[in-house]
Amino acid sequence: MFNDRDNSQDGLKSPQEATDDHQSTSERKSAPASRKSVLFIRRLYIGLIVAGFAAGGVVAWGVVAAMSQWGLTDSSPQIEQNQN
């Protein structure tokens, strides 16, 4: 029923081998596309981090400027407490 000889000699492949070949072919075709996707996501991530730092810096500068204008950054006078 089954021969011990290798089917690849006849050019015939088992269903598992055919599936493996198909997967490796599709992986080879999708590799450049997936690499582009990874690079895009990496650049997007870095861009979002940089934009977040920039926005945080602008907000921090605005808060300090507003506090300075309202006099909230001045040191408060020291009040002596009398001990009885």
PDB file of N, CA and C in Angstrom:
ATOM      1  N   MET A   1       0.819  -1.172   0.000  1.00  0.00           N
ATOM      2  CA  MET A   1       0.000   0.000   0.000  1.00  0.00           C
ATOM      3  C   MET A   1       0.872   1.249   0.000  1.00  0.00           C
ATOM      4  N   PHE A   2       1.697   1.444   1.025  1.00  0.00           N
ATOM      5  CA  PHE A   2       2.618   2.571   1.074  1.00  0.00           C
ATOM      6  C   PHE A   2       4.017   2.078   0.762  1.00  0.00           C
ATOM      7  N   ASN A   3       4.705   2.824  -0.029  1.00  0.00           N
ATOM      8  CA  ASN A   3       6.085   2.468  -0.337  1.00  0.00           C
ATOM      9  C   ASN A   3       7.014   3.206   0.601  1.00  0.00           C
ATOM     10  N   ASP A   4       8.155   2.632   0.853  1.00  0.00           N
ATOM     11  CA  ASP A   4       9.153   3.268   1.691  1.00  0.00           C
ATOM     12  C   ASP A   4       9.974   4.285   0.920  1.00  0.00           C
ATOM     13  N   ARG A   5       9.799   4.324  -0.377  1.00  0.00           N
ATOM     14  CA  ARG A   5      10.603   5.259  -1.159  1.00  0.00           C
ATOM     15  C   ARG A   5      10.059   6.671  -1.041  1.00  0.00           C
ATOM     16  N   ASP A   6      10.876   7.623  -1.346  1.00  0.00           N
ATOM     17  CA  ASP A   6      10.548   9.042  -1.239  1.00  0.00           C
ATOM     18  C   ASP A   6       9.657   9.473  -2.391  1.00  0.00           C
ATOM     19  N   ASN A   7       8.519  10.066  -2.121  1.00  0.00           N
ATOM     20  CA  ASN A   7       7.588  10.507  -3.158  1.00  0.00           C
ATOM     21  C   ASN A   7       8.116  11.693  -3.938  1.00  0.00           C
ATOM     22  N   SER A   8       9.086  12.426  -3.394  1.00  0.00           N
ATOM     23  CA  SER A   8       9.602  13.598  -4.085  1.00  0.00           C
ATOM     24  C   SER A   8      10.367  13.204  -5.348  1.00  0.00           C
ATOM     25  N   GLN A   9      10.780  11.944  -5.421  1.00  0.00           N
ATOM     26  CA  GLN A   9      11.460  11.486  -6.628  1.00  0.00           C
ATOM     27  C   GLN A   9      10.492  11.446  -7.800  1.00  0.00           C
ATOM     28  N   ASP A  10       9.239  11.150  -7.535  1.00  0.00           N
ATOM     29  CA  ASP A  10       8.230  11.086  -8.587  1.00  0.00           C
ATOM     30  C   ASP A  10       7.637  12.456  -8.878  1.00  0.00           C
ATOM     31  N   GLY A  11       8.005  13.445  -8.120  1.00  0.00           N
ATOM     32  CA  GLY A  11       7.415  14.761  -8.290  1.00  0.00           C
ATOM     33  C   GLY A  11       6.100  14.894  -7.536  1.00  0.00           C
ATOM     34  N   LEU A  12       5.742  13.883  -6.775  1.00  0.00           N
ATOM     35  CA  LEU A  12       4.506  13.926  -5.999  1.00  0.00           C
ATOM     36  C   LEU A  12       4.844  14.351  -4.577  1.00  0.00           C
ATOM     37  N   LYS A  13       3.965  15.127  -4.023  1.00  0.00           N
ATOM     38  CA  LYS A  13       4.176  15.590  -2.650  1.00  0.00           C
ATOM     39  C   LYS A  13       2.976  15.207  -1.806  1.00  0.00           C
ATOM     40  N   SER A  14       3.253  14.984  -0.548  1.00  0.00           N
ATOM     41  CA  SER A  14       2.156  14.700   0.359  1.00  0.00           C
ATOM     42  C   SER A  14       1.363  15.978   0.586  1.00  0.00           C
ATOM     43  N   PRO A  15       0.132  15.875   1.052  1.00  0.00           N
ATOM     44  CA  PRO A  15      -0.651  17.098   1.315  1.00  0.00           C
ATOM     45  C   PRO A  15       0.031  18.029   2.306  1.00  0.00           C
ATOM     46  N   GLN A  16       0.735  17.460   3.285  1.00  0.00           N
ATOM     47  CA  GLN A  16       1.438  18.291   4.263  1.00  0.00           C
ATOM     48  C   GLN A  16       2.575  19.060   3.596  1.00  0.00           C
ATOM     49  N   GLU A  17       3.321  18.393   2.718  1.00  0.00           N
ATOM     50  CA  GLU A  17       4.410  19.067   2.015  1.00  0.00           C
ATOM     51  C   GLU A  17       3.877  20.161   1.107  1.00  0.00           C
ATOM     52  N   ALA A  18       2.757  19.889   0.434  1.00  0.00           N
ATOM     53  CA  ALA A  18       2.157  20.895  -0.443  1.00  0.00           C
ATOM     54  C   ALA A  18       1.703  22.101   0.365  1.00  0.00           C
ATOM     55  N   THR A  19       1.129  21.867   1.537  1.00  0.00           N
ATOM     56  CA  THR A  19       0.702  22.960   2.403  1.00  0.00           C
ATOM     57  C   THR A  19       1.903  23.748   2.895  1.00  0.00           C
ATOM     58  N   ASP A  20       2.981  23.042   3.249  1.00  0.00           N
ATOM     59  CA  ASP A  20       4.201  23.715   3.696  1.00  0.00           C
ATOM     60  C   ASP A  20       4.771  24.594   2.591  1.00  0.00           C
ATOM     61  N   ASP A  21       4.784  24.061   1.353  1.00  0.00           N
ATOM     62  CA  ASP A  21       5.284  24.848   0.227  1.00  0.00           C
ATOM     63  C   ASP A  21       4.421  26.074   0.003  1.00  0.00           C
ATOM     64  N   HIS A  22       3.117  25.909   0.098  1.00  0.00           N
ATOM     65  CA  HIS A  22       2.211  27.046  -0.100  1.00  0.00           C
ATOM     66  C   HIS A  22       2.426  28.100   0.989  1.00  0.00           C
ATOM     67  N   GLN A  23       2.585  27.655   2.223  1.00  0.00           N
ATOM     68  CA  GLN A  23       2.796  28.595   3.311  1.00  0.00           C
ATOM     69  C   GLN A  23       4.122  29.326   3.146  1.00  0.00           C
ATOM     70  N   SER A  24       5.155  28.612   2.769  1.00  0.00           N
ATOM     71  CA  SER A  24       6.445  29.275   2.629  1.00  0.00           C
ATOM     72  C   SER A  24       6.416  30.261   1.474  1.00  0.00           C
ATOM     73  N   THR A  25       5.670  29.950   0.406  1.00  0.00           N
ATOM     74  CA  THR A  25       5.546  30.875  -0.717  1.00  0.00           C
ATOM     75  C   THR A  25       4.775  32.113  -0.286  1.00  0.00           C
ATOM     76  N   SER A  26       3.672  31.924   0.436  1.00  0.00           N
ATOM     77  CA  SER A  26       2.883  33.073   0.878  1.00  0.00           C
ATOM     78  C   SER A  26       3.656  33.888   1.909  1.00  0.00           C
ATOM     79  N   GLU A  27       4.464  33.223   2.741  1.00  0.00           N
ATOM     80  CA  GLU A  27       5.280  33.958   3.702  1.00  0.00           C
ATOM     81  C   GLU A  27       6.332  34.793   2.993  1.00  0.00           C
ATOM     82  N   ARG A  28       6.895  34.245   1.916  1.00  0.00           N
ATOM     83  CA  ARG A  28       7.878  35.006   1.157  1.00  0.00           C
ATOM     84  C   ARG A  28       7.236  36.219   0.500  1.00  0.00           C
ATOM     85  N   LYS A  29       6.007  36.073   0.020  1.00  0.00           N
ATOM     86  CA  LYS A  29       5.319  37.201  -0.616  1.00  0.00           C
ATOM     87  C   LYS A  29       4.893  38.237   0.408  1.00  0.00           C
ATOM     88  N   SER A  30       4.491  37.802   1.588  1.00  0.00           N
ATOM     89  CA  SER A  30       4.010  38.739   2.604  1.00  0.00           C
ATOM     90  C   SER A  30       5.145  39.327   3.434  1.00  0.00           C
ATOM     91  N   ALA A  31       6.324  38.777   3.323  1.00  0.00           N
ATOM     92  CA  ALA A  31       7.436  39.279   4.128  1.00  0.00           C
ATOM     93  C   ALA A  31       7.739  40.747   3.851  1.00  0.00           C
ATOM     94  N   PRO A  32       7.867  41.179   2.593  1.00  0.00           N
ATOM     95  CA  PRO A  32       8.113  42.608   2.371  1.00  0.00           C
ATOM     96  C   PRO A  32       6.946  43.481   2.852  1.00  0.00           C
ATOM     97  N   ALA A  33       5.723  43.010   2.662  1.00  0.00           N
ATOM     98  CA  ALA A  33       4.574  43.789   3.113  1.00  0.00           C
ATOM     99  C   ALA A  33       4.540  43.881   4.630  1.00  0.00           C
ATOM    100  N   SER A  34       4.819  42.783   5.309  1.00  0.00           N
ATOM    101  CA  SER A  34       4.807  42.818   6.773  1.00  0.00           C
ATOM    102  C   SER A  34       5.973  43.655   7.288  1.00  0.00           C
ATOM    103  N   ARG A  35       7.100  43.634   6.590  1.00  0.00           N
ATOM    104  CA  ARG A  35       8.241  44.457   6.998  1.00  0.00           C
ATOM    105  C   ARG A  35       7.898  45.930   6.841  1.00  0.00           C
ATOM    106  N   LYS A  36       7.193  46.275   5.771  1.00  0.00           N
ATOM    107  CA  LYS A  36       6.766  47.664   5.577  1.00  0.00           C
ATOM    108  C   LYS A  36       5.799  48.074   6.681  1.00  0.00           C
ATOM    109  N   SER A  37       4.916  47.173   7.050  1.00  0.00           N
ATOM    110  CA  SER A  37       3.952  47.468   8.114  1.00  0.00           C
ATOM    111  C   SER A  37       4.659  47.689   9.444  1.00  0.00           C
ATOM    112  N   VAL A  38       5.639  46.854   9.731  1.00  0.00           N
ATOM    113  CA  VAL A  38       6.379  46.994  10.980  1.00  0.00           C
ATOM    114  C   VAL A  38       7.125  48.326  10.994  1.00  0.00           C
ATOM    115  N   LEU A  39       7.755  48.679   9.876  1.00  0.00           N
ATOM    116  CA  LEU A  39       8.469  49.955   9.815  1.00  0.00           C
ATOM    117  C   LEU A  39       7.510  51.129   9.962  1.00  0.00           C
ATOM    118  N   PHE A  40       6.334  51.039   9.329  1.00  0.00           N
ATOM    119  CA  PHE A  40       5.345  52.107   9.447  1.00  0.00           C
ATOM    120  C   PHE A  40       4.881  52.256  10.885  1.00  0.00           C
ATOM    121  N   ILE A  41       4.578  51.145  11.536  1.00  0.00           N
ATOM    122  CA  ILE A  41       4.108  51.189  12.923  1.00  0.00           C
ATOM    123  C   ILE A  41       5.207  51.713  13.835  1.00  0.00           C
ATOM    124  N   ARG A  42       6.462  51.328  13.583  1.00  0.00           N
ATOM    125  CA  ARG A  42       7.578  51.814  14.397  1.00  0.00           C
ATOM    126  C   ARG A  42       7.738  53.323  14.243  1.00  0.00           C
ATOM    127  N   ARG A  43       7.666  53.809  12.993  1.00  0.00           N
ATOM    128  CA  ARG A  43       7.789  55.254  12.766  1.00  0.00           C
ATOM    129  C   ARG A  43       6.616  56.008  13.380  1.00  0.00           C
ATOM    130  N   LEU A  44       5.427  55.439  13.272  1.00  0.00           N
ATOM    131  CA  LEU A  44       4.247  56.067  13.872  1.00  0.00           C
ATOM    132  C   LEU A  44       4.412  56.152  15.384  1.00  0.00           C
ATOM    133  N   TYR A  45       4.868  55.089  16.002  1.00  0.00           N
ATOM    134  CA  TYR A  45       5.062  55.038  17.448  1.00  0.00           C
ATOM    135  C   TYR A  45       6.068  56.093  17.896  1.00  0.00           C
ATOM    136  N   ILE A  46       7.189  56.164  17.198  1.00  0.00           N
ATOM    137  CA  ILE A  46       8.216  57.153  17.548  1.00  0.00           C
ATOM    138  C   ILE A  46       7.680  58.565  17.333  1.00  0.00           C
ATOM    139  N   GLY A  47       6.936  58.770  16.250  1.00  0.00           N
ATOM    140  CA  GLY A  47       6.344  60.075  15.988  1.00  0.00           C
ATOM    141  C   GLY A  47       5.362  60.484  17.075  1.00  0.00           C
ATOM    142  N   LEU A  48       4.567  59.537  17.545  1.00  0.00           N
ATOM    143  CA  LEU A  48       3.615  59.841  18.616  1.00  0.00           C
ATOM    144  C   LEU A  48       4.340  60.169  19.917  1.00  0.00           C
ATOM    145  N   ILE A  49       5.423  59.473  20.195  1.00  0.00           N
ATOM    146  CA  ILE A  49       6.191  59.770  21.408  1.00  0.00           C
ATOM    147  C   ILE A  49       6.780  61.174  21.328  1.00  0.00           C
ATOM    148  N   VAL A  50       7.382  61.517  20.183  1.00  0.00           N
ATOM    149  CA  VAL A  50       7.967  62.846  20.014  1.00  0.00           C
ATOM    150  C   VAL A  50       6.889  63.922  20.110  1.00  0.00           C
ATOM    151  N   ALA A  51       5.749  63.691  19.467  1.00  0.00           N
ATOM    152  CA  ALA A  51       4.654  64.657  19.525  1.00  0.00           C
ATOM    153  C   ALA A  51       4.133  64.807  20.958  1.00  0.00           C
ATOM    154  N   GLY A  52       4.088  63.721  21.696  1.00  0.00           N
ATOM    155  CA  GLY A  52       3.660  63.775  23.097  1.00  0.00           C
ATOM    156  C   GLY A  52       4.605  64.579  23.962  1.00  0.00           C
ATOM    157  N   PHE A  53       5.902  64.383  23.753  1.00  0.00           N
ATOM    158  CA  PHE A  53       6.882  65.180  24.500  1.00  0.00           C
ATOM    159  C   PHE A  53       6.773  66.654  24.138  1.00  0.00           C
ATOM    160  N   ALA A  54       6.579  66.947  22.861  1.00  0.00           N
ATOM    161  CA  ALA A  54       6.461  68.345  22.433  1.00  0.00           C
ATOM    162  C   ALA A  54       5.206  68.980  23.032  1.00  0.00           C
ATOM    163  N   ALA A  55       4.079  68.278  22.964  1.00  0.00           N
ATOM    164  CA  ALA A  55       2.837  68.807  23.535  1.00  0.00           C
ATOM    165  C   ALA A  55       2.975  68.971  25.049  1.00  0.00           C
ATOM    166  N   GLY A  56       3.603  68.034  25.714  1.00  0.00           N
ATOM    167  CA  GLY A  56       3.816  68.138  27.157  1.00  0.00           C
ATOM    168  C   GLY A  56       4.693  69.328  27.516  1.00  0.00           C
ATOM    169  N   GLY A  57       5.715  69.580  26.699  1.00  0.00           N
ATOM    170  CA  GLY A  57       6.574  70.740  26.941  1.00  0.00           C
ATOM    171  C   GLY A  57       5.826  72.046  26.790  1.00  0.00           C
ATOM    172  N   VAL A  58       4.975  72.130  25.756  1.00  0.00           N
ATOM    173  CA  VAL A  58       4.186  73.350  25.544  1.00  0.00           C
ATOM    174  C   VAL A  58       3.208  73.560  26.699  1.00  0.00           C
ATOM    175  N   VAL A  59       2.554  72.505  27.134  1.00  0.00           N
ATOM    176  CA  VAL A  59       1.603  72.623  28.249  1.00  0.00           C
ATOM    177  C   VAL A  59       2.336  73.007  29.532  1.00  0.00           C
ATOM    178  N   ALA A  60       3.480  72.392  29.805  1.00  0.00           N
ATOM    179  CA  ALA A  60       4.243  72.725  31.011  1.00  0.00           C
ATOM    180  C   ALA A  60       4.682  74.184  30.980  1.00  0.00           C
ATOM    181  N   TRP A  61       5.174  74.646  29.822  1.00  0.00           N
ATOM    182  CA  TRP A  61       5.578  76.044  29.696  1.00  0.00           C
ATOM    183  C   TRP A  61       4.371  76.971  29.938  1.00  0.00           C
ATOM    184  N   GLY A  62       3.204  76.625  29.410  1.00  0.00           N
ATOM    185  CA  GLY A  62       2.004  77.429  29.617  1.00  0.00           C
ATOM    186  C   GLY A  62       1.581  77.485  31.074  1.00  0.00           C
ATOM    187  N   VAL A  63       1.676  76.365  31.757  1.00  0.00           N
ATOM    188  CA  VAL A  63       1.295  76.329  33.175  1.00  0.00           C
ATOM    189  C   VAL A  63       2.251  77.193  34.001  1.00  0.00           C
ATOM    190  N   VAL A  64       3.539  77.084  33.748  1.00  0.00           N
ATOM    191  CA  VAL A  64       4.511  77.892  34.487  1.00  0.00           C
ATOM    192  C   VAL A  64       4.312  79.372  34.182  1.00  0.00           C
ATOM    193  N   ALA A  65       4.063  79.724  32.923  1.00  0.00           N
ATOM    194  CA  ALA A  65       3.840  81.126  32.557  1.00  0.00           C
ATOM    195  C   ALA A  65       2.586  81.673  33.244  1.00  0.00           C
ATOM    196  N   ALA A  66       1.513  80.887  33.265  1.00  0.00           N
ATOM    197  CA  ALA A  66       0.276  81.328  33.923  1.00  0.00           C
ATOM    198  C   ALA A  66       0.485  81.476  35.429  1.00  0.00           C
ATOM    199  N   MET A  67       1.180  80.531  36.044  1.00  0.00           N
ATOM    200  CA  MET A  67       1.431  80.624  37.483  1.00  0.00           C
ATOM    201  C   MET A  67       2.291  81.838  37.812  1.00  0.00           C
ATOM    202  N   SER A  68       3.262  82.133  36.960  1.00  0.00           N
ATOM    203  CA  SER A  68       4.103  83.310  37.185  1.00  0.00           C
ATOM    204  C   SER A  68       3.291  84.591  37.055  1.00  0.00           C
ATOM    205  N   GLN A  69       2.416  84.637  36.071  1.00  0.00           N
ATOM    206  CA  GLN A  69       1.615  85.843  35.856  1.00  0.00           C
ATOM    207  C   GLN A  69       0.648  86.071  37.009  1.00  0.00           C
ATOM    208  N   TRP A  70       0.132  85.029  37.584  1.00  0.00           N
ATOM    209  CA  TRP A  70      -0.806  85.170  38.686  1.00  0.00           C
ATOM    210  C   TRP A  70      -0.104  85.255  40.040  1.00  0.00           C
ATOM    211  N   GLY A  71       1.206  85.208  40.034  1.00  0.00           N
ATOM    212  CA  GLY A  71       1.950  85.344  41.281  1.00  0.00           C
ATOM    213  C   GLY A  71       1.971  84.086  42.119  1.00  0.00           C
ATOM    214  N   LEU A  72       1.732  82.972  41.525  1.00  0.00           N
ATOM    215  CA  LEU A  72       1.682  81.719  42.292  1.00  0.00           C
ATOM    216  C   LEU A  72       3.060  81.092  42.473  1.00  0.00           C
ATOM    217  N   THR A  73       4.082  81.646  41.820  1.00  0.00           N
ATOM    218  CA  THR A  73       5.419  81.082  41.971  1.00  0.00           C
ATOM    219  C   THR A  73       6.271  81.854  42.973  1.00  0.00           C
ATOM    220  N   ASP A  74       5.727  82.966  43.477  1.00  0.00           N
ATOM    221  CA  ASP A  74       6.452  83.746  44.475  1.00  0.00           C
ATOM    222  C   ASP A  74       6.473  82.978  45.787  1.00  0.00           C
ATOM    223  N   SER A  75       7.529  83.165  46.542  1.00  0.00           N
ATOM    224  CA  SER A  75       7.586  82.486  47.833  1.00  0.00           C
ATOM    225  C   SER A  75       6.637  83.190  48.795  1.00  0.00           C
ATOM    226  N   SER A  76       5.984  82.403  49.591  1.00  0.00           N
ATOM    227  CA  SER A  76       5.032  82.968  50.552  1.00  0.00           C
ATOM    228  C   SER A  76       5.795  83.494  51.767  1.00  0.00           C
ATOM    229  N   PRO A  77       5.275  84.530  52.401  1.00  0.00           N
ATOM    230  CA  PRO A  77       5.961  85.058  53.590  1.00  0.00           C
ATOM    231  C   PRO A  77       5.919  84.035  54.717  1.00  0.00           C
ATOM    232  N   GLN A  78       6.998  83.991  55.460  1.00  0.00           N
ATOM    233  CA  GLN A  78       7.093  83.055  56.565  1.00  0.00           C
ATOM    234  C   GLN A  78       6.385  83.642  57.771  1.00  0.00           C
ATOM    235  N   ILE A  79       5.499  82.873  58.332  1.00  0.00           N
ATOM    236  CA  ILE A  79       4.739  83.326  59.508  1.00  0.00           C
ATOM    237  C   ILE A  79       5.307  82.612  60.727  1.00  0.00           C
ATOM    238  N   GLU A  80       5.666  83.410  61.715  1.00  0.00           N
ATOM    239  CA  GLU A  80       6.186  82.815  62.935  1.00  0.00           C
ATOM    240  C   GLU A  80       5.022  82.368  63.804  1.00  0.00           C
ATOM    241  N   GLN A  81       5.166  81.222  64.336  1.00  0.00           N
ATOM    242  CA  GLN A  81       4.128  80.732  65.254  1.00  0.00           C
ATOM    243  C   GLN A  81       4.639  80.885  66.667  1.00  0.00           C
ATOM    244  N   ASN A  82       3.819  81.510  67.497  1.00  0.00           N
ATOM    245  CA  ASN A  82       4.182  81.693  68.903  1.00  0.00           C
ATOM    246  C   ASN A  82       3.831  80.451  69.681  1.00  0.00           C
ATOM    247  N   GLN A  83       4.753  80.021  70.471  1.00  0.00           N
ATOM    248  CA  GLN A  83       4.486  78.860  71.316  1.00  0.00           C
ATOM    249  C   GLN A  83       4.211  79.375  72.734  1.00  0.00           C
ATOM    250  N   ASN A  84       3.118  78.983  73.290  1.00  0.00           N
ATOM    251  CA  ASN A  84       2.744  79.438  74.642  1.00  0.00           C
ATOM    252  C   ASN A  84       3.301  78.554  75.686  1.00  0.00           C
TER     253      ASN A  84
END
